[in-house]
Amino acid sequence: MKETALSVFRQPPDRLNCAQSVVHAWCEVTGDTAITVADFKPFGSGKAPEGLCGAVYAACQLAPDRAETLKAAFAAQLGSLYCREIREAKVHPCATCVAQAAELLAGSE
């Protein structure tokens, strides 16, 4: 799932944001058609609720029963759940967030 998410993140022609990339990978791998990539366009670039990273926000929406576990693992790996904090630290690029969220999500299936 991680490779699928990274293959579309900010890549032409669609230039999907972090949240959309995770959703795209989920839909491709699971065949889930109940959710659409377009629904997650508003949640990239720190615009997810509470300033969450869009990638982890999307993962939590896709696996709500594991949201707290996903958040804890994501924060442990990247140092924060919040886009602004992650970007200001300049330690992890957004692609790392996409990869981590997709990998954690894949483990939750």
N, C-alpha and C. Protein backbone atom coordinates (compact mmCIF):
# COMPACT_ATOMS: atom_id res chain seq x y z
N MET A 1 0.83 -1.19 0.00
CA MET A 1 0.00 0.00 0.00
C MET A 1 0.88 1.26 0.00
N LYS A 2 1.99 1.18 0.70
CA LYS A 2 2.89 2.34 0.78
C LYS A 2 3.36 2.77 -0.61
N GLU A 3 3.77 1.81 -1.42
CA GLU A 3 4.27 2.14 -2.76
C GLU A 3 3.18 2.75 -3.62
N THR A 4 1.97 2.25 -3.49
CA THR A 4 0.84 2.78 -4.26
C THR A 4 0.56 4.22 -3.86
N ALA A 5 0.58 4.50 -2.57
CA ALA A 5 0.33 5.87 -2.10
C ALA A 5 1.42 6.82 -2.59
N LEU A 6 2.66 6.40 -2.50
CA LEU A 6 3.76 7.26 -2.93
C LEU A 6 3.78 7.47 -4.44
N SER A 7 3.28 6.50 -5.19
CA SER A 7 3.31 6.62 -6.65
C SER A 7 2.38 7.71 -7.19
N VAL A 8 1.41 8.12 -6.38
CA VAL A 8 0.47 9.16 -6.83
C VAL A 8 0.61 10.47 -6.06
N PHE A 9 1.36 10.46 -4.97
CA PHE A 9 1.51 11.66 -4.15
C PHE A 9 2.21 12.77 -4.93
N ARG A 10 1.45 13.85 -5.17
CA ARG A 10 1.93 15.04 -5.89
C ARG A 10 2.45 14.75 -7.30
N GLN A 11 2.05 13.64 -7.87
CA GLN A 11 2.50 13.27 -9.21
C GLN A 11 1.43 13.61 -10.25
N PRO A 12 1.88 14.03 -11.44
CA PRO A 12 0.91 14.28 -12.51
C PRO A 12 0.23 12.97 -12.89
N PRO A 13 -0.96 13.00 -13.40
CA PRO A 13 -1.71 14.19 -13.77
C PRO A 13 -2.55 14.75 -12.61
N ASP A 14 -2.82 13.95 -11.58
CA ASP A 14 -3.77 14.37 -10.55
C ASP A 14 -3.16 15.17 -9.40
N ARG A 15 -1.86 14.98 -9.14
CA ARG A 15 -1.17 15.68 -8.06
C ARG A 15 -1.94 15.58 -6.73
N LEU A 16 -2.20 14.35 -6.32
CA LEU A 16 -2.97 14.12 -5.10
C LEU A 16 -2.22 14.61 -3.87
N ASN A 17 -2.97 15.14 -2.91
CA ASN A 17 -2.35 15.58 -1.66
C ASN A 17 -2.13 14.35 -0.76
N CYS A 18 -1.62 14.59 0.43
CA CYS A 18 -1.27 13.50 1.33
C CYS A 18 -2.48 12.63 1.69
N ALA A 19 -3.58 13.27 2.06
CA ALA A 19 -4.79 12.53 2.44
C ALA A 19 -5.33 11.73 1.25
N GLN A 20 -5.39 12.37 0.10
CA GLN A 20 -5.90 11.70 -1.11
C GLN A 20 -5.02 10.52 -1.50
N SER A 21 -3.73 10.65 -1.33
CA SER A 21 -2.82 9.57 -1.71
C SER A 21 -3.04 8.32 -0.87
N VAL A 22 -3.27 8.52 0.42
CA VAL A 22 -3.54 7.39 1.31
C VAL A 22 -4.88 6.74 0.93
N VAL A 23 -5.88 7.55 0.66
CA VAL A 23 -7.20 7.03 0.26
C VAL A 23 -7.09 6.29 -1.07
N HIS A 24 -6.37 6.85 -2.02
CA HIS A 24 -6.18 6.20 -3.32
C HIS A 24 -5.57 4.81 -3.12
N ALA A 25 -4.53 4.72 -2.32
CA ALA A 25 -3.88 3.44 -2.08
C ALA A 25 -4.84 2.44 -1.43
N TRP A 26 -5.59 2.91 -0.45
CA TRP A 26 -6.57 2.06 0.22
C TRP A 26 -7.58 1.50 -0.79
N CYS A 27 -8.13 2.37 -1.61
CA CYS A 27 -9.12 1.94 -2.60
C CYS A 27 -8.53 0.96 -3.61
N GLU A 28 -7.30 1.21 -4.04
CA GLU A 28 -6.64 0.32 -4.99
C GLU A 28 -6.39 -1.06 -4.39
N VAL A 29 -5.90 -1.08 -3.17
CA VAL A 29 -5.52 -2.34 -2.54
C VAL A 29 -6.72 -3.13 -2.05
N THR A 30 -7.70 -2.44 -1.49
CA THR A 30 -8.85 -3.14 -0.89
C THR A 30 -10.04 -3.29 -1.84
N GLY A 31 -10.08 -2.46 -2.88
CA GLY A 31 -11.23 -2.47 -3.78
C GLY A 31 -12.42 -1.71 -3.22
N ASP A 32 -12.23 -1.01 -2.11
CA ASP A 32 -13.30 -0.23 -1.47
C ASP A 32 -13.75 0.89 -2.41
N THR A 33 -15.04 0.93 -2.69
CA THR A 33 -15.58 1.99 -3.55
C THR A 33 -16.54 2.90 -2.78
N ALA A 34 -16.68 2.67 -1.48
CA ALA A 34 -17.60 3.46 -0.67
C ALA A 34 -17.06 4.86 -0.40
N ILE A 35 -15.77 5.04 -0.55
CA ILE A 35 -15.14 6.33 -0.27
C ILE A 35 -14.41 6.77 -1.54
N THR A 36 -14.36 8.08 -1.76
CA THR A 36 -13.69 8.55 -2.98
C THR A 36 -12.50 9.45 -2.63
N VAL A 37 -11.54 9.42 -3.51
CA VAL A 37 -10.33 10.24 -3.36
C VAL A 37 -10.71 11.71 -3.31
N ALA A 38 -11.65 12.10 -4.13
CA ALA A 38 -12.06 13.51 -4.21
C ALA A 38 -12.59 14.03 -2.86
N ASP A 39 -13.19 13.16 -2.08
CA ASP A 39 -13.72 13.58 -0.77
C ASP A 39 -12.63 14.09 0.16
N PHE A 40 -11.38 13.71 -0.11
CA PHE A 40 -10.29 14.07 0.79
C PHE A 40 -9.42 15.22 0.27
N LYS A 41 -9.84 15.85 -0.81
CA LYS A 41 -9.09 16.99 -1.33
C LYS A 41 -8.94 18.12 -0.32
N PRO A 42 -9.96 18.41 0.49
CA PRO A 42 -9.83 19.52 1.44
C PRO A 42 -8.87 19.27 2.61
N PHE A 43 -8.33 18.06 2.75
CA PHE A 43 -7.62 17.72 3.98
C PHE A 43 -6.10 17.66 3.85
N GLY A 44 -5.53 18.14 2.77
CA GLY A 44 -4.08 18.18 2.62
C GLY A 44 -3.51 19.48 3.15
N SER A 45 -2.21 19.56 3.23
CA SER A 45 -1.50 20.79 3.61
C SER A 45 -1.92 21.36 4.96
N GLY A 46 -2.12 20.47 5.93
CA GLY A 46 -2.44 20.93 7.27
C GLY A 46 -3.88 21.35 7.48
N LYS A 47 -4.75 21.02 6.55
CA LYS A 47 -6.14 21.47 6.63
C LYS A 47 -7.09 20.41 7.18
N ALA A 48 -6.53 19.30 7.64
CA ALA A 48 -7.37 18.29 8.29
C ALA A 48 -7.83 18.86 9.63
N PRO A 49 -8.92 18.34 10.18
CA PRO A 49 -9.40 18.84 11.47
C PRO A 49 -8.30 18.85 12.53
N GLU A 50 -8.31 19.91 13.33
CA GLU A 50 -7.36 20.10 14.42
C GLU A 50 -5.91 20.24 13.95
N GLY A 51 -5.70 20.43 12.64
CA GLY A 51 -4.35 20.58 12.12
C GLY A 51 -3.59 19.27 11.98
N LEU A 52 -4.32 18.16 12.05
CA LEU A 52 -3.68 16.86 11.89
C LEU A 52 -3.02 16.75 10.52
N CYS A 53 -2.00 15.93 10.45
CA CYS A 53 -1.41 15.58 9.16
C CYS A 53 -2.52 14.90 8.35
N GLY A 54 -2.69 15.31 7.10
CA GLY A 54 -3.75 14.74 6.27
C GLY A 54 -3.60 13.25 6.04
N ALA A 55 -2.37 12.77 5.98
CA ALA A 55 -2.15 11.35 5.75
C ALA A 55 -2.67 10.51 6.91
N VAL A 56 -2.36 10.91 8.12
CA VAL A 56 -2.84 10.15 9.28
C VAL A 56 -4.34 10.36 9.47
N TYR A 57 -4.83 11.54 9.15
CA TYR A 57 -6.27 11.80 9.22
C TYR A 57 -7.01 10.82 8.30
N ALA A 58 -6.54 10.69 7.07
CA ALA A 58 -7.18 9.77 6.12
C ALA A 58 -7.13 8.34 6.62
N ALA A 59 -5.98 7.93 7.14
CA ALA A 59 -5.85 6.56 7.65
C ALA A 59 -6.86 6.31 8.77
N CYS A 60 -7.03 7.28 9.64
CA CYS A 60 -7.97 7.13 10.75
C CYS A 60 -9.42 7.09 10.26
N GLN A 61 -9.73 7.82 9.22
CA GLN A 61 -11.08 7.79 8.66
C GLN A 61 -11.37 6.45 7.99
N LEU A 62 -10.35 5.83 7.43
CA LEU A 62 -10.52 4.55 6.75
C LEU A 62 -10.58 3.38 7.72
N ALA A 63 -9.96 3.52 8.87
CA ALA A 63 -9.96 2.46 9.88
C ALA A 63 -10.32 3.07 11.24
N PRO A 64 -11.55 3.57 11.38
CA PRO A 64 -11.92 4.29 12.60
C PRO A 64 -11.80 3.47 13.87
N ASP A 65 -11.95 2.18 13.77
CA ASP A 65 -11.83 1.32 14.94
C ASP A 65 -10.40 1.23 15.44
N ARG A 66 -9.45 1.63 14.62
CA ARG A 66 -8.04 1.60 15.00
C ARG A 66 -7.42 2.99 15.04
N ALA A 67 -8.24 4.02 15.02
CA ALA A 67 -7.74 5.40 14.92
C ALA A 67 -6.74 5.74 16.01
N GLU A 68 -7.03 5.41 17.24
CA GLU A 68 -6.11 5.78 18.33
C GLU A 68 -4.79 5.03 18.21
N THR A 69 -4.84 3.79 17.83
CA THR A 69 -3.62 3.00 17.63
C THR A 69 -2.80 3.56 16.48
N LEU A 70 -3.47 3.91 15.39
CA LEU A 70 -2.79 4.49 14.23
C LEU A 70 -2.12 5.81 14.62
N LYS A 71 -2.84 6.65 15.35
CA LYS A 71 -2.28 7.94 15.76
C LYS A 71 -1.07 7.76 16.67
N ALA A 72 -1.16 6.83 17.60
CA ALA A 72 -0.06 6.61 18.53
C ALA A 72 1.18 6.12 17.78
N ALA A 73 1.01 5.19 16.87
CA ALA A 73 2.14 4.66 16.11
C ALA A 73 2.74 5.72 15.18
N PHE A 74 1.88 6.51 14.56
CA PHE A 74 2.33 7.58 13.66
C PHE A 74 3.15 8.61 14.44
N ALA A 75 2.62 9.04 15.58
CA ALA A 75 3.32 10.03 16.40
C ALA A 75 4.65 9.48 16.92
N ALA A 76 4.68 8.21 17.27
CA ALA A 76 5.92 7.60 17.76
C ALA A 76 6.99 7.60 16.68
N GLN A 77 6.59 7.38 15.44
CA GLN A 77 7.54 7.35 14.33
C GLN A 77 7.96 8.73 13.86
N LEU A 78 7.01 9.68 13.82
CA LEU A 78 7.28 10.98 13.20
C LEU A 78 7.39 12.14 14.20
N GLY A 79 7.12 11.87 15.45
CA GLY A 79 7.29 12.90 16.46
C GLY A 79 6.09 13.79 16.70
N SER A 80 5.08 13.69 15.86
CA SER A 80 3.88 14.52 16.02
C SER A 80 2.77 14.00 15.12
N LEU A 81 1.56 14.41 15.42
CA LEU A 81 0.41 14.12 14.56
C LEU A 81 0.04 15.33 13.72
N TYR A 82 0.66 16.46 14.01
CA TYR A 82 0.22 17.72 13.44
C TYR A 82 1.12 18.19 12.31
N CYS A 83 0.49 18.51 11.21
CA CYS A 83 1.21 18.90 9.99
C CYS A 83 2.21 20.02 10.26
N ARG A 84 1.77 21.06 10.90
CA ARG A 84 2.64 22.21 11.13
C ARG A 84 3.89 21.81 11.91
N GLU A 85 3.70 21.03 12.97
CA GLU A 85 4.85 20.61 13.78
C GLU A 85 5.81 19.74 12.98
N ILE A 86 5.26 18.84 12.19
CA ILE A 86 6.11 17.96 11.39
C ILE A 86 6.89 18.78 10.37
N ARG A 87 6.20 19.70 9.70
CA ARG A 87 6.88 20.50 8.67
C ARG A 87 7.87 21.49 9.27
N GLU A 88 7.55 22.06 10.41
CA GLU A 88 8.47 23.01 11.04
C GLU A 88 9.74 22.32 11.54
N ALA A 89 9.62 21.08 11.96
CA ALA A 89 10.79 20.34 12.44
C ALA A 89 11.75 20.03 11.29
N LYS A 90 11.22 20.01 10.06
CA LYS A 90 12.02 19.76 8.85
C LYS A 90 12.84 18.48 8.94
N VAL A 91 12.30 17.52 9.66
CA VAL A 91 12.97 16.23 9.79
C VAL A 91 12.37 15.22 8.81
N HIS A 92 11.05 15.29 8.66
CA HIS A 92 10.34 14.34 7.80
C HIS A 92 9.59 15.08 6.70
N PRO A 93 9.88 14.80 5.45
CA PRO A 93 9.10 15.40 4.37
C PRO A 93 7.70 14.78 4.30
N CYS A 94 6.81 15.45 3.63
CA CYS A 94 5.43 14.97 3.54
C CYS A 94 5.34 13.55 2.97
N ALA A 95 6.22 13.20 2.05
CA ALA A 95 6.19 11.85 1.49
C ALA A 95 6.41 10.80 2.57
N THR A 96 7.21 11.12 3.57
CA THR A 96 7.43 10.20 4.67
C THR A 96 6.14 9.99 5.45
N CYS A 97 5.37 11.05 5.63
CA CYS A 97 4.09 10.95 6.32
C CYS A 97 3.12 10.07 5.54
N VAL A 98 3.08 10.25 4.23
CA VAL A 98 2.22 9.43 3.37
C VAL A 98 2.63 7.96 3.48
N ALA A 99 3.91 7.70 3.38
CA ALA A 99 4.41 6.33 3.46
C ALA A 99 4.07 5.70 4.81
N GLN A 100 4.31 6.43 5.88
CA GLN A 100 4.06 5.89 7.22
C GLN A 100 2.58 5.62 7.44
N ALA A 101 1.73 6.56 7.06
CA ALA A 101 0.29 6.37 7.25
C ALA A 101 -0.21 5.18 6.44
N ALA A 102 0.24 5.05 5.20
CA ALA A 102 -0.18 3.93 4.36
C ALA A 102 0.32 2.60 4.93
N GLU A 103 1.53 2.59 5.41
CA GLU A 103 2.09 1.37 5.99
C GLU A 103 1.33 0.96 7.25
N LEU A 104 1.03 1.92 8.11
CA LEU A 104 0.25 1.62 9.32
C LEU A 104 -1.15 1.15 8.97
N LEU A 105 -1.75 1.79 7.99
CA LEU A 105 -3.08 1.41 7.55
C LEU A 105 -3.09 -0.01 6.99
N ALA A 106 -2.09 -0.35 6.22
CA ALA A 106 -1.99 -1.69 5.65
C ALA A 106 -1.91 -2.74 6.76
N GLY A 107 -1.24 -2.39 7.83
CA GLY A 107 -1.15 -3.30 8.96
C GLY A 107 -2.44 -3.44 9.74
N SER A 108 -3.40 -2.54 9.47
CA SER A 108 -4.66 -2.57 10.22
C SER A 108 -5.75 -3.37 9.53
N GLU A 109 -5.47 -3.86 8.33
CA GLU A 109 -6.50 -4.60 7.59
C GLU A 109 -6.83 -5.91 8.25
